[in-house]
C-alpha atoms as a PDB file:
ATOM      1  CA  MET A   1      42.289  -3.320  31.574  1.00  0.00           C
ATOM      2  CA  LYS A   2      44.665  -1.544  33.532  1.00  0.00           C
ATOM      3  CA  GLY A   3      46.926   1.253  32.149  1.00  0.00           C
ATOM      4  CA  ASN A   4      46.330   4.559  30.357  1.00  0.00           C
ATOM      5  CA  PRO A   5      43.297   4.986  27.861  1.00  0.00           C
ATOM      6  CA  PRO A   6      45.429   4.351  24.623  1.00  0.00           C
ATOM      7  CA  MET A   7      45.615   0.974  25.853  1.00  0.00           C
ATOM      8  CA  PHE A   8      43.140  -1.565  24.442  1.00  0.00           C
ATOM      9  CA  LEU A   9      39.583  -1.297  24.329  1.00  0.00           C
ATOM     10  CA  SER A  10      43.819  -2.502  31.204  1.00  0.00           C
ATOM     11  CA  LYS A  11      41.762 -16.461  62.637  1.00  0.00           C
ATOM     12  CA  MET A  12      37.673 -15.630  62.683  1.00  0.00           C
ATOM     13  CA  ARG A  13      37.777 -19.342  62.650  1.00  0.00           C
ATOM     14  CA  LEU A  14      39.282 -19.715  59.404  1.00  0.00           C
ATOM     15  CA  THR A  15      41.101 -22.978  58.347  1.00  0.00           C
ATOM     16  CA  LEU A  16      42.433 -24.453  55.214  1.00  0.00           C
ATOM     17  CA  ALA A  17      40.876 -27.528  53.962  1.00  0.00           C
ATOM     18  CA  ALA A  18      42.749 -30.750  54.199  1.00  0.00           C
ATOM     19  CA  LEU A  19      43.093 -31.708  50.625  1.00  0.00           C
ATOM     20  CA  LEU A  20      45.606 -33.840  48.673  1.00  0.00           C
ATOM     21  CA  LEU A  21      47.739 -32.486  45.876  1.00  0.00           C
ATOM     22  CA  ILE A  22      47.258 -33.630  42.481  1.00  0.00           C
ATOM     23  CA  SER A  23      49.661 -36.348  41.231  1.00  0.00           C
ATOM     24  CA  VAL A  24      52.320 -35.041  38.631  1.00  0.00           C
ATOM     25  CA  PRO A  25      53.172 -37.416  35.865  1.00  0.00           C
ATOM     26  CA  VAL A  26      56.819 -38.395  35.944  1.00  0.00           C
ATOM     27  CA  THR A  27      57.420 -38.376  32.232  1.00  0.00           C
ATOM     28  CA  ALA A  28      59.131 -35.468  30.888  1.00  0.00           C
ATOM     29  CA  TYR A  29      59.910 -34.191  34.102  1.00  0.00           C
ATOM     30  CA  SER A  30      62.825 -31.871  33.639  1.00  0.00           C
ATOM     31  CA  ALA A  31      65.137 -30.039  36.273  1.00  0.00           C
ATOM     32  CA  GLU A  32      63.397 -26.893  35.125  1.00  0.00           C
ATOM     33  CA  SER A  33      60.013 -28.487  35.807  1.00  0.00           C
ATOM     34  CA  ARG A  34      61.180 -29.598  39.228  1.00  0.00           C
ATOM     35  CA  THR A  35      62.432 -26.030  40.111  1.00  0.00           C
ATOM     36  CA  GLN A  36      58.943 -24.623  38.944  1.00  0.00           C
ATOM     37  CA  ASP A  37      57.375 -26.886  41.134  1.00  0.00           C
ATOM     38  CA  VAL A  38      59.434 -26.173  44.234  1.00  0.00           C
ATOM     39  CA  GLN A  39      58.679 -22.449  43.514  1.00  0.00           C
ATOM     40  CA  ARG A  40      55.065 -23.125  43.268  1.00  0.00           C
ATOM     41  CA  ALA A  41      54.890 -25.214  46.460  1.00  0.00           C
ATOM     42  CA  ASN A  42      56.752 -22.679  48.267  1.00  0.00           C
ATOM     43  CA  TYR A  43      54.507 -20.098  47.066  1.00  0.00           C
ATOM     44  CA  LEU A  44      51.307 -21.909  48.052  1.00  0.00           C
ATOM     45  CA  ALA A  45      52.871 -22.636  51.584  1.00  0.00           C
ATOM     46  CA  GLU A  46      53.828 -19.234  52.097  1.00  0.00           C
ATOM     47  CA  ASN A  47      50.375 -17.988  51.146  1.00  0.00           C
ATOM     48  CA  GLN A  48      48.440 -20.761  52.883  1.00  0.00           C
ATOM     49  CA  ILE A  49      46.804 -21.885  49.852  1.00  0.00           C
ATOM     50  CA  ASN A  50      45.729 -25.349  49.102  1.00  0.00           C
ATOM     51  CA  GLU A  51      45.617 -27.077  45.631  1.00  0.00           C
ATOM     52  CA  ALA A  52      42.471 -29.104  45.101  1.00  0.00           C
ATOM     53  CA  PRO A  53      41.925 -32.196  43.125  1.00  0.00           C
ATOM     54  CA  SER A  54      39.703 -31.423  40.102  1.00  0.00           C
ATOM     55  CA  ALA A  55      36.849 -33.842  41.383  1.00  0.00           C
ATOM     56  CA  LEU A  56      36.000 -33.334  45.005  1.00  0.00           C
ATOM     57  CA  GLN A  57      33.502 -35.690  46.735  1.00  0.00           C
ATOM     58  CA  GLY A  58      30.000 -34.458  46.885  1.00  0.00           C
ATOM     59  CA  ALA A  59      27.930 -31.738  45.048  1.00  0.00           C
ATOM     60  CA  PRO A  60      28.410 -27.948  46.231  1.00  0.00           C
ATOM     61  CA  LEU A  61      25.718 -26.124  47.691  1.00  0.00           C
ATOM     62  CA  PHE A  62      25.741 -23.829  44.784  1.00  0.00           C
ATOM     63  CA  SER A  63      27.862 -22.425  42.110  1.00  0.00           C
ATOM     64  CA  PHE A  64      28.701 -18.989  40.387  1.00  0.00           C
ATOM     65  CA  SER A  65      30.833 -17.614  37.667  1.00  0.00           C
ATOM     66  CA  VAL A  66      33.074 -14.526  37.669  1.00  0.00           C
ATOM     67  CA  LEU A  67      34.022 -13.030  34.271  1.00  0.00           C
ATOM     68  CA  SER A  68      35.740  -9.656  33.746  1.00  0.00           C
ATOM     69  CA  ASP A  69      36.925  -7.467  31.107  1.00  0.00           C
ATOM     70  CA  THR A  70      34.396  -8.360  28.426  1.00  0.00           C
ATOM     71  CA  HIS A  71      35.008  -5.179  26.551  1.00  0.00           C
ATOM     72  CA  ILE A  72      31.958  -5.130  24.344  1.00  0.00           C
ATOM     73  CA  VAL A  73      32.099  -2.629  21.851  1.00  0.00           C
ATOM     74  CA  ASN A  74      29.255  -2.480  19.293  1.00  0.00           C
ATOM     75  CA  THR A  75      31.577  -2.555  16.357  1.00  0.00           C
ATOM     76  CA  ASP A  76      33.846  -5.214  17.826  1.00  0.00           C
ATOM     77  CA  GLN A  77      32.811  -8.643  16.738  1.00  0.00           C
ATOM     78  CA  VAL A  78      35.787 -10.453  18.409  1.00  0.00           C
ATOM     79  CA  SER A  79      34.562  -9.139  21.729  1.00  0.00           C
ATOM     80  CA  GLN A  80      31.060 -10.356  21.137  1.00  0.00           C
ATOM     81  CA  MET A  81      32.380 -13.727  20.070  1.00  0.00           C
ATOM     82  CA  LEU A  82      34.561 -14.332  22.857  1.00  0.00           C
ATOM     83  CA  LEU A  83      31.859 -13.522  25.451  1.00  0.00           C
ATOM     84  CA  SER A  84      29.270 -15.697  23.666  1.00  0.00           C
ATOM     85  CA  ARG A  85      31.680 -18.633  23.634  1.00  0.00           C
ATOM     86  CA  ALA A  86      32.542 -18.113  27.329  1.00  0.00           C
ATOM     87  CA  LEU A  87      28.745 -17.922  28.266  1.00  0.00           C
ATOM     88  CA  ALA A  88      28.083 -21.145  26.515  1.00  0.00           C
ATOM     89  CA  ASP A  89      31.028 -22.951  28.301  1.00  0.00           C
ATOM     90  CA  HIS A  90      29.932 -21.636  31.452  1.00  0.00           C
ATOM     91  CA  HIS A  91      26.303 -22.759  31.143  1.00  0.00           C
ATOM     92  CA  LYS A  92      27.467 -26.219  29.818  1.00  0.00           C
ATOM     93  CA  LEU A  93      29.526 -26.625  32.927  1.00  0.00           C
ATOM     94  CA  ARG A  94      27.370 -25.370  35.503  1.00  0.00           C
ATOM     95  CA  PRO A  95      23.771 -25.225  33.907  1.00  0.00           C
ATOM     96  CA  GLU A  96      22.228 -24.605  37.341  1.00  0.00           C
ATOM     97  CA  SER A  97      24.619 -21.947  38.416  1.00  0.00           C
ATOM     98  CA  LYS A  98      22.955 -19.252  40.617  1.00  0.00           C
ATOM     99  CA  LEU A  99      25.038 -16.164  39.438  1.00  0.00           C
ATOM    100  CA  LEU A 100      26.979 -14.955  36.724  1.00  0.00           C
ATOM    101  CA  VAL A 101      29.201 -11.767  37.770  1.00  0.00           C
ATOM    102  CA  LEU A 102      30.449  -9.513  35.160  1.00  0.00           C
ATOM    103  CA  ASN A 103      33.316  -7.574  37.059  1.00  0.00           C
ATOM    104  CA  GLY A 104      34.000  -4.383  35.246  1.00  0.00           C
ATOM    105  CA  ASP A 105      35.172  -3.245  31.988  1.00  0.00           C
ATOM    106  CA  LEU A 106      31.703  -4.523  30.601  1.00  0.00           C
ATOM    107  CA  THR A 107      31.969  -1.913  27.597  1.00  0.00           C
ATOM    108  CA  GLY A 108      33.540   0.721  25.722  1.00  0.00           C
ATOM    109  CA  GLY A 109      31.308   3.173  27.695  1.00  0.00           C
ATOM    110  CA  THR A 110      28.457   3.971  25.474  1.00  0.00           C
ATOM    111  CA  GLU A 111      24.966   3.082  25.340  1.00  0.00           C
ATOM    112  CA  GLY A 112      25.320   1.501  22.086  1.00  0.00           C
ATOM    113  CA  ASP A 113      28.013  -0.804  23.671  1.00  0.00           C
ATOM    114  CA  TYR A 114      25.580  -1.681  26.736  1.00  0.00           C
ATOM    115  CA  ARG A 115      22.835  -2.632  24.171  1.00  0.00           C
ATOM    116  CA  SER A 116      25.082  -4.996  22.439  1.00  0.00           C
ATOM    117  CA  LEU A 117      26.011  -6.584  25.713  1.00  0.00           C
ATOM    118  CA  MET A 118      22.428  -6.744  26.345  1.00  0.00           C
ATOM    119  CA  GLY A 119      21.425  -8.162  23.180  1.00  0.00           C
ATOM    120  CA  LEU A 120      24.169 -10.923  23.604  1.00  0.00           C
ATOM    121  CA  LEU A 121      23.018 -11.857  27.071  1.00  0.00           C
ATOM    122  CA  SER A 122      19.499 -12.188  25.896  1.00  0.00           C
ATOM    123  CA  SER A 123      20.607 -14.500  22.982  1.00  0.00           C
ATOM    124  CA  GLN A 124      21.628 -17.485  25.107  1.00  0.00           C
ATOM    125  CA  PRO A 125      21.045 -19.081  28.407  1.00  0.00           C
ATOM    126  CA  HIS A 126      22.954 -18.003  31.607  1.00  0.00           C
ATOM    127  CA  ALA A 127      22.457 -17.438  35.159  1.00  0.00           C
ATOM    128  CA  PRO A 128      21.245 -14.336  36.559  1.00  0.00           C
ATOM    129  CA  VAL A 129      23.735 -11.435  35.988  1.00  0.00           C
ATOM    130  CA  HIS A 130      25.052  -8.904  38.559  1.00  0.00           C
ATOM    131  CA  ALA A 131      27.683  -6.439  37.598  1.00  0.00           C
ATOM    132  CA  THR A 132      30.241  -3.827  38.612  1.00  0.00           C
ATOM    133  CA  MET A 133      31.772  -0.901  36.927  1.00  0.00           C
ATOM    134  CA  GLY A 134      35.324  -0.629  35.582  1.00  0.00           C
ATOM    135  CA  ASN A 135      37.099   2.157  34.047  1.00  0.00           C
ATOM    136  CA  HIS A 136      36.623   1.411  30.486  1.00  0.00           C
ATOM    137  CA  ASP A 137      32.829   1.856  31.406  1.00  0.00           C
ATOM    138  CA  TYR A 138      33.670   5.714  31.653  1.00  0.00           C
ATOM    139  CA  TYR A 139      35.321   5.717  28.240  1.00  0.00           C
ATOM    140  CA  GLY A 140      32.277   7.772  26.696  1.00  0.00           C
ATOM    141  CA  VAL A 141      34.624  10.566  27.983  1.00  0.00           C
ATOM    142  CA  TRP A 142      36.774  10.007  25.210  1.00  0.00           C
ATOM    143  CA  ARG A 143      34.326   9.374  22.498  1.00  0.00           C
ATOM    144  CA  THR A 144      34.323  11.712  19.497  1.00  0.00           C
ATOM    145  CA  PRO A 145      30.982  12.945  17.900  1.00  0.00           C
ATOM    146  CA  GLU A 146      31.641  10.699  15.111  1.00  0.00           C
ATOM    147  CA  GLY A 147      31.706   7.686  17.505  1.00  0.00           C
ATOM    148  CA  GLY A 148      35.530   7.246  17.476  1.00  0.00           C
ATOM    149  CA  MET A 149      38.112   7.486  20.175  1.00  0.00           C
ATOM    150  CA  ASP A 150      40.234  10.425  20.940  1.00  0.00           C
ATOM    151  CA  THR A 151      42.216  10.269  24.092  1.00  0.00           C
ATOM    152  CA  SER A 152      43.812  13.668  23.545  1.00  0.00           C
ATOM    153  CA  LYS A 153      40.943  15.352  24.678  1.00  0.00           C
ATOM    154  CA  MET A 154      37.734  14.684  26.804  1.00  0.00           C
ATOM    155  CA  ASN A 155      34.245  14.842  25.247  1.00  0.00           C
ATOM    156  CA  PRO A 156      32.607  17.808  26.946  1.00  0.00           C
ATOM    157  CA  ALA A 157      29.178  16.259  26.324  1.00  0.00           C
ATOM    158  CA  TRP A 158      29.942  13.364  28.588  1.00  0.00           C
ATOM    159  CA  SER A 159      30.991  12.947  32.153  1.00  0.00           C
ATOM    160  CA  SER A 160      31.400  10.400  35.152  1.00  0.00           C
ATOM    161  CA  LYS A 161      28.084  11.229  36.541  1.00  0.00           C
ATOM    162  CA  GLN A 162      26.571  10.251  33.081  1.00  0.00           C
ATOM    163  CA  ALA A 163      28.573   7.105  32.934  1.00  0.00           C
ATOM    164  CA  VAL A 164      27.422   5.863  36.424  1.00  0.00           C
ATOM    165  CA  ALA A 165      23.646   7.073  35.621  1.00  0.00           C
ATOM    166  CA  LEU A 166      23.895   4.922  32.313  1.00  0.00           C
ATOM    167  CA  PHE A 167      25.495   1.847  34.253  1.00  0.00           C
ATOM    168  CA  ASP A 168      22.563   1.946  36.680  1.00  0.00           C
ATOM    169  CA  ARG A 169      19.862   2.503  34.170  1.00  0.00           C
ATOM    170  CA  MET A 170      21.027  -0.432  32.173  1.00  0.00           C
ATOM    171  CA  TRP A 171      21.055  -2.721  35.010  1.00  0.00           C
ATOM    172  CA  GLY A 172      18.407  -1.388  37.168  1.00  0.00           C
ATOM    173  CA  TYR A 173      20.495  -0.490  40.159  1.00  0.00           C
ATOM    174  CA  ASP A 174      19.961   2.724  42.351  1.00  0.00           C
ATOM    175  CA  LYS A 175      23.766   3.127  43.141  1.00  0.00           C
ATOM    176  CA  PRO A 176      26.969   1.546  41.373  1.00  0.00           C
ATOM    177  CA  TYR A 177      27.365  -0.721  44.271  1.00  0.00           C
ATOM    178  CA  HIS A 178      24.928  -3.215  46.010  1.00  0.00           C
ATOM    179  CA  GLU A 179      24.591  -6.265  48.098  1.00  0.00           C
ATOM    180  CA  LEU A 180      22.927  -9.686  47.109  1.00  0.00           C
ATOM    181  CA  ILE A 181      22.088 -12.758  49.053  1.00  0.00           C
ATOM    182  CA  VAL A 182      22.438 -16.271  47.360  1.00  0.00           C
ATOM    183  CA  GLU A 183      21.661 -19.278  49.348  1.00  0.00           C
ATOM    184  CA  GLY A 184      22.253 -17.608  52.600  1.00  0.00           C
ATOM    185  CA  TYR A 185      25.749 -16.259  51.427  1.00  0.00           C
ATOM    186  CA  ARG A 186      26.460 -12.675  51.065  1.00  0.00           C
ATOM    187  CA  PHE A 187      27.621 -10.895  47.785  1.00  0.00           C
ATOM    188  CA  LEU A 188      28.774  -7.274  47.831  1.00  0.00           C
ATOM    189  CA  PHE A 189      29.567  -5.509  44.506  1.00  0.00           C
ATOM    190  CA  LEU A 190      31.787  -2.416  44.511  1.00  0.00           C
ATOM    191  CA  SER A 191      32.388   0.119  41.773  1.00  0.00           C
ATOM    192  CA  GLY A 192      34.469   3.019  41.187  1.00  0.00           C
ATOM    193  CA  GLU A 193      32.433   6.110  41.160  1.00  0.00           C
ATOM    194  CA  ALA A 194      34.289   8.713  39.300  1.00  0.00           C
ATOM    195  CA  TYR A 195      36.836   8.908  36.329  1.00  0.00           C
ATOM    196  CA  ARG A 196      39.649  11.350  35.489  1.00  0.00           C
ATOM    197  CA  ASP A 197      37.304  14.050  34.295  1.00  0.00           C
ATOM    198  CA  VAL A 198      36.402  14.630  37.867  1.00  0.00           C
ATOM    199  CA  ASN A 199      40.203  14.358  38.868  1.00  0.00           C
ATOM    200  CA  ALA A 200      43.052  13.905  36.635  1.00  0.00           C
ATOM    201  CA  SER A 201      44.773  12.063  39.468  1.00  0.00           C
ATOM    202  CA  TYR A 202      42.395   9.074  39.368  1.00  0.00           C
ATOM    203  CA  LYS A 203      43.752   7.947  36.168  1.00  0.00           C
ATOM    204  CA  GLU A 204      42.446   4.372  35.722  1.00  0.00           C
ATOM    205  CA  ASP A 205      42.084   3.608  39.378  1.00  0.00           C
ATOM    206  CA  ALA A 206      38.635   3.160  41.264  1.00  0.00           C
ATOM    207  CA  PHE A 207      37.387   6.137  43.158  1.00  0.00           C
ATOM    208  CA  LEU A 208      35.332   4.789  46.165  1.00  0.00           C
ATOM    209  CA  SER A 209      33.295   7.410  48.052  1.00  0.00           C
ATOM    210  CA  ALA A 210      33.246   7.730  51.742  1.00  0.00           C
ATOM    211  CA  GLU A 211      29.651   6.610  51.521  1.00  0.00           C
ATOM    212  CA  GLN A 212      30.545   3.379  49.609  1.00  0.00           C
ATOM    213  CA  LEU A 213      33.174   2.677  52.158  1.00  0.00           C
ATOM    214  CA  ALA A 214      30.807   3.278  55.101  1.00  0.00           C
ATOM    215  CA  TRP A 215      28.201   0.903  53.473  1.00  0.00           C
ATOM    216  CA  LEU A 216      30.885  -1.756  52.852  1.00  0.00           C
ATOM    217  CA  ARG A 217      31.940  -1.570  56.496  1.00  0.00           C
ATOM    218  CA  ASP A 218      28.302  -1.719  57.666  1.00  0.00           C
ATOM    219  CA  ARG A 219      27.675  -4.854  55.297  1.00  0.00           C
ATOM    220  CA  LEU A 220      30.845  -6.540  56.475  1.00  0.00           C
ATOM    221  CA  THR A 221      30.039  -5.935  60.162  1.00  0.00           C
ATOM    222  CA  VAL A 222      26.454  -7.366  59.680  1.00  0.00           C
ATOM    223  CA  ALA A 223      28.027 -10.365  57.918  1.00  0.00           C
ATOM    224  CA  GLY A 224      30.538 -11.063  60.800  1.00  0.00           C
ATOM    225  CA  THR A 225      27.530 -11.254  63.088  1.00  0.00           C
ATOM    226  CA  ALA A 226      24.803 -12.875  60.953  1.00  0.00           C
ATOM    227  CA  ASP A 227      26.926 -15.030  58.888  1.00  0.00           C
ATOM    228  CA  ALA A 228      29.669 -15.987  61.173  1.00  0.00           C
ATOM    229  CA  GLY A 229      32.121 -18.426  59.664  1.00  0.00           C
ATOM    230  CA  LYS A 230      30.887 -18.082  56.135  1.00  0.00           C
ATOM    231  CA  PRO A 231      32.681 -16.732  53.281  1.00  0.00           C
ATOM    232  CA  VAL A 232      31.735 -13.097  52.049  1.00  0.00           C
ATOM    233  CA  PHE A 233      32.111 -12.555  48.367  1.00  0.00           C
ATOM    234  CA  VAL A 234      33.209  -9.180  47.270  1.00  0.00           C
ATOM    235  CA  PHE A 235      33.742  -7.690  43.789  1.00  0.00           C
ATOM    236  CA  LEU A 236      35.687  -4.661  42.569  1.00  0.00           C
ATOM    237  CA  HIS A 237      36.929  -4.502  39.086  1.00  0.00           C
ATOM    238  CA  GLN A 238      40.505  -2.928  39.994  1.00  0.00           C
ATOM    239  CA  PRO A 239      42.614  -4.950  42.342  1.00  0.00           C
ATOM    240  CA  LEU A 240      44.558  -3.474  45.494  1.00  0.00           C
ATOM    241  CA  PRO A 241      48.216  -2.609  44.713  1.00  0.00           C
ATOM    242  CA  GLN A 242      51.009  -4.885  45.828  1.00  0.00           C
ATOM    243  CA  THR A 243      48.830  -7.981  46.055  1.00  0.00           C
ATOM    244  CA  LEU A 244      48.377 -10.305  43.030  1.00  0.00           C
ATOM    245  CA  ASP A 245      51.198 -10.600  40.186  1.00  0.00           C
ATOM    246  CA  GLY A 246      50.710  -7.359  37.911  1.00  0.00           C
ATOM    247  CA  THR A 247      49.246  -4.970  40.667  1.00  0.00           C
ATOM    248  CA  ASP A 248      52.436  -3.172  41.394  1.00  0.00           C
ATOM    249  CA  ARG A 249      52.035  -0.897  38.352  1.00  0.00           C
ATOM    250  CA  GLU A 250      49.353   1.370  39.464  1.00  0.00           C
ATOM    251  CA  LEU A 251      47.306   2.170  42.724  1.00  0.00           C
ATOM    252  CA  GLY A 252      44.287   0.244  41.247  1.00  0.00           C
ATOM    253  CA  VAL A 253      42.025   1.826  44.031  1.00  0.00           C
ATOM    254  CA  VAL A 254      42.274   5.491  45.002  1.00  0.00           C
ATOM    255  CA  GLN A 255      41.315   4.838  48.456  1.00  0.00           C
ATOM    256  CA  HIS A 256      43.393   1.504  48.524  1.00  0.00           C
ATOM    257  CA  ALA A 257      44.663   2.021  52.163  1.00  0.00           C
ATOM    258  CA  GLU A 258      41.515   2.406  53.600  1.00  0.00           C
ATOM    259  CA  LEU A 259      39.999  -0.475  51.625  1.00  0.00           C
ATOM    260  CA  ARG A 260      42.930  -2.806  52.405  1.00  0.00           C
ATOM    261  CA  ALA A 261      42.472  -1.877  56.194  1.00  0.00           C
ATOM    262  CA  LEU A 262      38.763  -2.552  56.072  1.00  0.00           C
ATOM    263  CA  LEU A 263      39.163  -6.013  54.308  1.00  0.00           C
ATOM    264  CA  ASP A 264      42.079  -6.842  56.647  1.00  0.00           C
ATOM    265  CA  GLU A 265      39.279  -6.803  59.543  1.00  0.00           C
ATOM    266  CA  HIS A 266      37.365  -9.721  57.836  1.00  0.00           C
ATOM    267  CA  PRO A 267      39.378 -12.747  57.017  1.00  0.00           C
ATOM    268  CA  ASN A 268      36.305 -14.309  55.566  1.00  0.00           C
ATOM    269  CA  VAL A 269      36.167 -12.025  52.524  1.00  0.00           C
ATOM    270  CA  ILE A 270      37.339 -13.197  48.977  1.00  0.00           C
ATOM    271  CA  LEU A 271      37.837 -10.136  46.923  1.00  0.00           C
ATOM    272  CA  PHE A 272      37.474 -10.825  43.192  1.00  0.00           C
ATOM    273  CA  SER A 273      39.262  -8.408  40.674  1.00  0.00           C
ATOM    274  CA  GLY A 274      39.987  -8.142  36.933  1.00  0.00           C
ATOM    275  CA  HIS A 275      41.626  -5.094  35.427  1.00  0.00           C
ATOM    276  CA  THR A 276      45.094  -6.394  34.930  1.00  0.00           C
ATOM    277  CA  HIS A 277      44.236  -9.137  32.428  1.00  0.00           C
ATOM    278  CA  TRP A 278      47.070 -11.231  33.636  1.00  0.00           C
ATOM    279  CA  ASN A 279      47.097 -14.929  32.895  1.00  0.00           C
ATOM    280  CA  LEU A 280      45.630 -17.119  35.171  1.00  0.00           C
ATOM    281  CA  GLU A 281      48.074 -20.009  34.286  1.00  0.00           C
ATOM    282  CA  THR A 282      51.402 -18.454  34.061  1.00  0.00           C
ATOM    283  CA  THR A 283      51.200 -15.838  36.904  1.00  0.00           C
ATOM    284  CA  ASN A 284      49.905 -15.848  40.576  1.00  0.00           C
ATOM    285  CA  GLN A 285      46.440 -14.492  40.512  1.00  0.00           C
ATOM    286  CA  ILE A 286      45.381 -16.134  43.798  1.00  0.00           C
ATOM    287  CA  LYS A 287      46.886 -14.909  46.975  1.00  0.00           C
ATOM    288  CA  GLN A 288      46.161 -15.378  50.662  1.00  0.00           C
ATOM    289  CA  LEU A 289      46.400 -11.910  52.427  1.00  0.00           C
ATOM    290  CA  LYS A 290      44.295 -11.468  55.774  1.00  0.00           C
ATOM    291  CA  PHE A 291      41.783 -12.111  53.321  1.00  0.00           C
ATOM    292  CA  LEU A 292      41.750 -14.098  50.035  1.00  0.00           C
ATOM    293  CA  ALA A 293      42.318 -12.046  46.776  1.00  0.00           C
ATOM    294  CA  ALA A 294      41.561 -13.749  43.344  1.00  0.00           C
ATOM    295  CA  SER A 295      41.654 -12.481  39.871  1.00  0.00           C
ATOM    296  CA  SER A 296      39.391 -13.753  36.849  1.00  0.00           C
ATOM    297  CA  ALA A 297      41.924 -12.451  34.141  1.00  0.00           C
ATOM    298  CA  SER A 298      39.809 -11.413  31.096  1.00  0.00           C
ATOM    299  CA  ILE A 299      37.525 -12.544  28.455  1.00  0.00           C
ATOM    300  CA  ARG A 300      38.581 -10.170  25.588  1.00  0.00           C
ATOM    301  CA  GLU A 301      42.289 -10.177  25.905  1.00  0.00           C
ATOM    302  CA  VAL A 302      44.763 -11.944  28.243  1.00  0.00           C
ATOM    303  CA  TRP A 303      48.367 -10.454  29.130  1.00  0.00           C
ATOM    304  CA  ASN A 304      51.370 -12.012  30.169  1.00  0.00           C
ATOM    305  CA  ALA A 305      53.963 -11.463  32.891  1.00  0.00           C
ATOM    306  CA  GLN A 306      55.628  -8.826  30.704  1.00  0.00           C
ATOM    307  CA  ASN A 307      52.297  -6.813  30.858  1.00  0.00           C
ATOM    308  CA  GLU A 308      51.857  -7.579  27.075  1.00  0.00           C
ATOM    309  CA  PRO A 309      48.658  -9.065  25.220  1.00  0.00           C
ATOM    310  CA  GLU A 310      48.979 -12.669  24.299  1.00  0.00           C
ATOM    311  CA  THR A 311      47.254 -14.425  21.286  1.00  0.00           C
ATOM    312  CA  ILE A 312      43.865 -13.090  20.989  1.00  0.00           C
ATOM    313  CA  GLY A 313      42.402 -16.502  21.316  1.00  0.00           C
ATOM    314  CA  VAL A 314      43.039 -16.765  24.982  1.00  0.00           C
ATOM    315  CA  SER A 315      40.193 -16.183  27.221  1.00  0.00           C
ATOM    316  CA  GLN A 316      39.888 -16.807  30.809  1.00  0.00           C
ATOM    317  CA  SER A 317      37.464 -16.630  33.867  1.00  0.00           C
ATOM    318  CA  LEU A 318      36.514 -18.356  36.991  1.00  0.00           C
ATOM    319  CA  ILE A 319      33.814 -20.982  38.255  1.00  0.00           C
ATOM    320  CA  VAL A 320      33.486 -21.172  41.931  1.00  0.00           C
ATOM    321  CA  ASP A 321      31.890 -23.822  43.764  1.00  0.00           C
ATOM    322  CA  VAL A 322      30.475 -23.181  47.392  1.00  0.00           C
ATOM    323  CA  TYR A 323      30.545 -26.168  49.872  1.00  0.00           C
ATOM    324  CA  LYS A 324      29.592 -25.710  53.480  1.00  0.00           C
ATOM    325  CA  ASP A 325      33.218 -26.175  54.788  1.00  0.00           C
ATOM    326  CA  ARG A 326      34.974 -24.803  51.793  1.00  0.00           C
ATOM    327  CA  VAL A 327      35.125 -22.581  48.436  1.00  0.00           C
ATOM    328  CA  VAL A 328      36.577 -24.154  45.499  1.00  0.00           C
ATOM    329  CA  ILE A 329      38.056 -21.820  42.752  1.00  0.00           C
ATOM    330  CA  MET A 330      38.335 -23.134  39.202  1.00  0.00           C
ATOM    331  CA  ARG A 331      40.248 -21.362  36.624  1.00  0.00           C
ATOM    332  CA  ARG A 332      38.759 -21.927  32.900  1.00  0.00           C
ATOM    333  CA  GLU A 333      40.286 -21.216  29.572  1.00  0.00           C
ATOM    334  CA  HIS A 334      37.422 -21.037  27.198  1.00  0.00           C
ATOM    335  CA  THR A 335      38.998 -21.256  23.728  1.00  0.00           C
ATOM    336  CA  THR A 336      40.361 -24.627  24.192  1.00  0.00           C
ATOM    337  CA  LYS A 337      37.735 -25.419  26.648  1.00  0.00           C
ATOM    338  CA  ARG A 338      39.958 -26.720  29.384  1.00  0.00           C
ATOM    339  CA  TRP A 339      40.535 -26.371  33.255  1.00  0.00           C
ATOM    340  CA  ILE A 340      43.751 -24.704  34.272  1.00  0.00           C
ATOM    341  CA  GLU A 341      44.701 -27.217  36.958  1.00  0.00           C
ATOM    342  CA  PRO A 342      44.802 -27.602  39.649  1.00  0.00           C
ATOM    343  CA  SER A 343      41.783 -25.806  41.358  1.00  0.00           C
ATOM    344  CA  ILE A 344      42.168 -23.736  44.407  1.00  0.00           C
ATOM    345  CA  ALA A 345      40.368 -24.620  47.665  1.00  0.00           C
ATOM    346  CA  LYS A 346      39.700 -22.409  50.681  1.00  0.00           C
ATOM    347  CA  GLY A 347      38.281 -23.870  53.984  1.00  0.00           C
ATOM    348  CA  TYR A 348      35.987 -22.257  56.370  1.00  0.00           C
ATOM    349  CA  ASP A 349      35.024 -23.475  59.714  1.00  0.00           C
ATOM    350  CA  VAL A 350      31.304 -23.050  59.528  1.00  0.00           C
ATOM    351  CA  LYS A 351      29.163 -24.179  62.425  1.00  0.00           C
END
């Protein structure tokens, strides 16, 4: 989640798919509803985004899921229940899914929290998991010897280096960033590499080392040559500032200017983020920049446009269907087991 620690445990040949908009029932269609629809249509037109019907012709090449902000704490039964519910929903909807992405703020930052997460994952079926680090995964630095939280002083027995080492060990990674190829499509997982114990100015933002940015540049260059025309899926817990709704309250990424300039060079990128927890249904969480930015909201707690938590039962994430000529991003509310309509389609000119 975004915010300071006291907050809860914060054209490359690019085209848009030619898809019809969903029909809107005429009953109970008020002047206010018409105004909202006009505003929505203007937003979509300005950002070159198509709203796709729920049922598209033909099966996708493959599917994957994006979840963020699970906030698993070993003493928090609610976080575990909400993730278990979301996993079951995803498996029922896409039993043959190729990938389950946990995009940061996985835990409260302790080994016990990670073990609770791993135990939960091992207890029910799901696609292969890949993960990124979020700011809360550094929160061991706020833990007291008794296991509580004290954000007035840092734990001298814990550090960013130890947090990264714990993350890498639990997932079997060499570094907190890595690449994956799925069905010939490239997935790039980024993580912040340091927290405010290293530099107080980092606050809750992702610090990306020069080495990580150089690695990303290299991988995107390779993708532009080897995978010309295909989307490239990039994951980072914190969003770039001044992009999606709710991203104007903090930097999000320490090296945001460098990252934005790099991604701007690669219009086939879809950047998935979490962190803000802002509601997928009531705020704009997909936006066409020079690349496409998309948020997966939150499993543990969803926030409204006033930057306040909504009812604890709201739990949201994404399912992504990949076709040869398009990617369809579907938004899911897990408590009521319903789609947030309509889905969003992004077309690609793949030869």
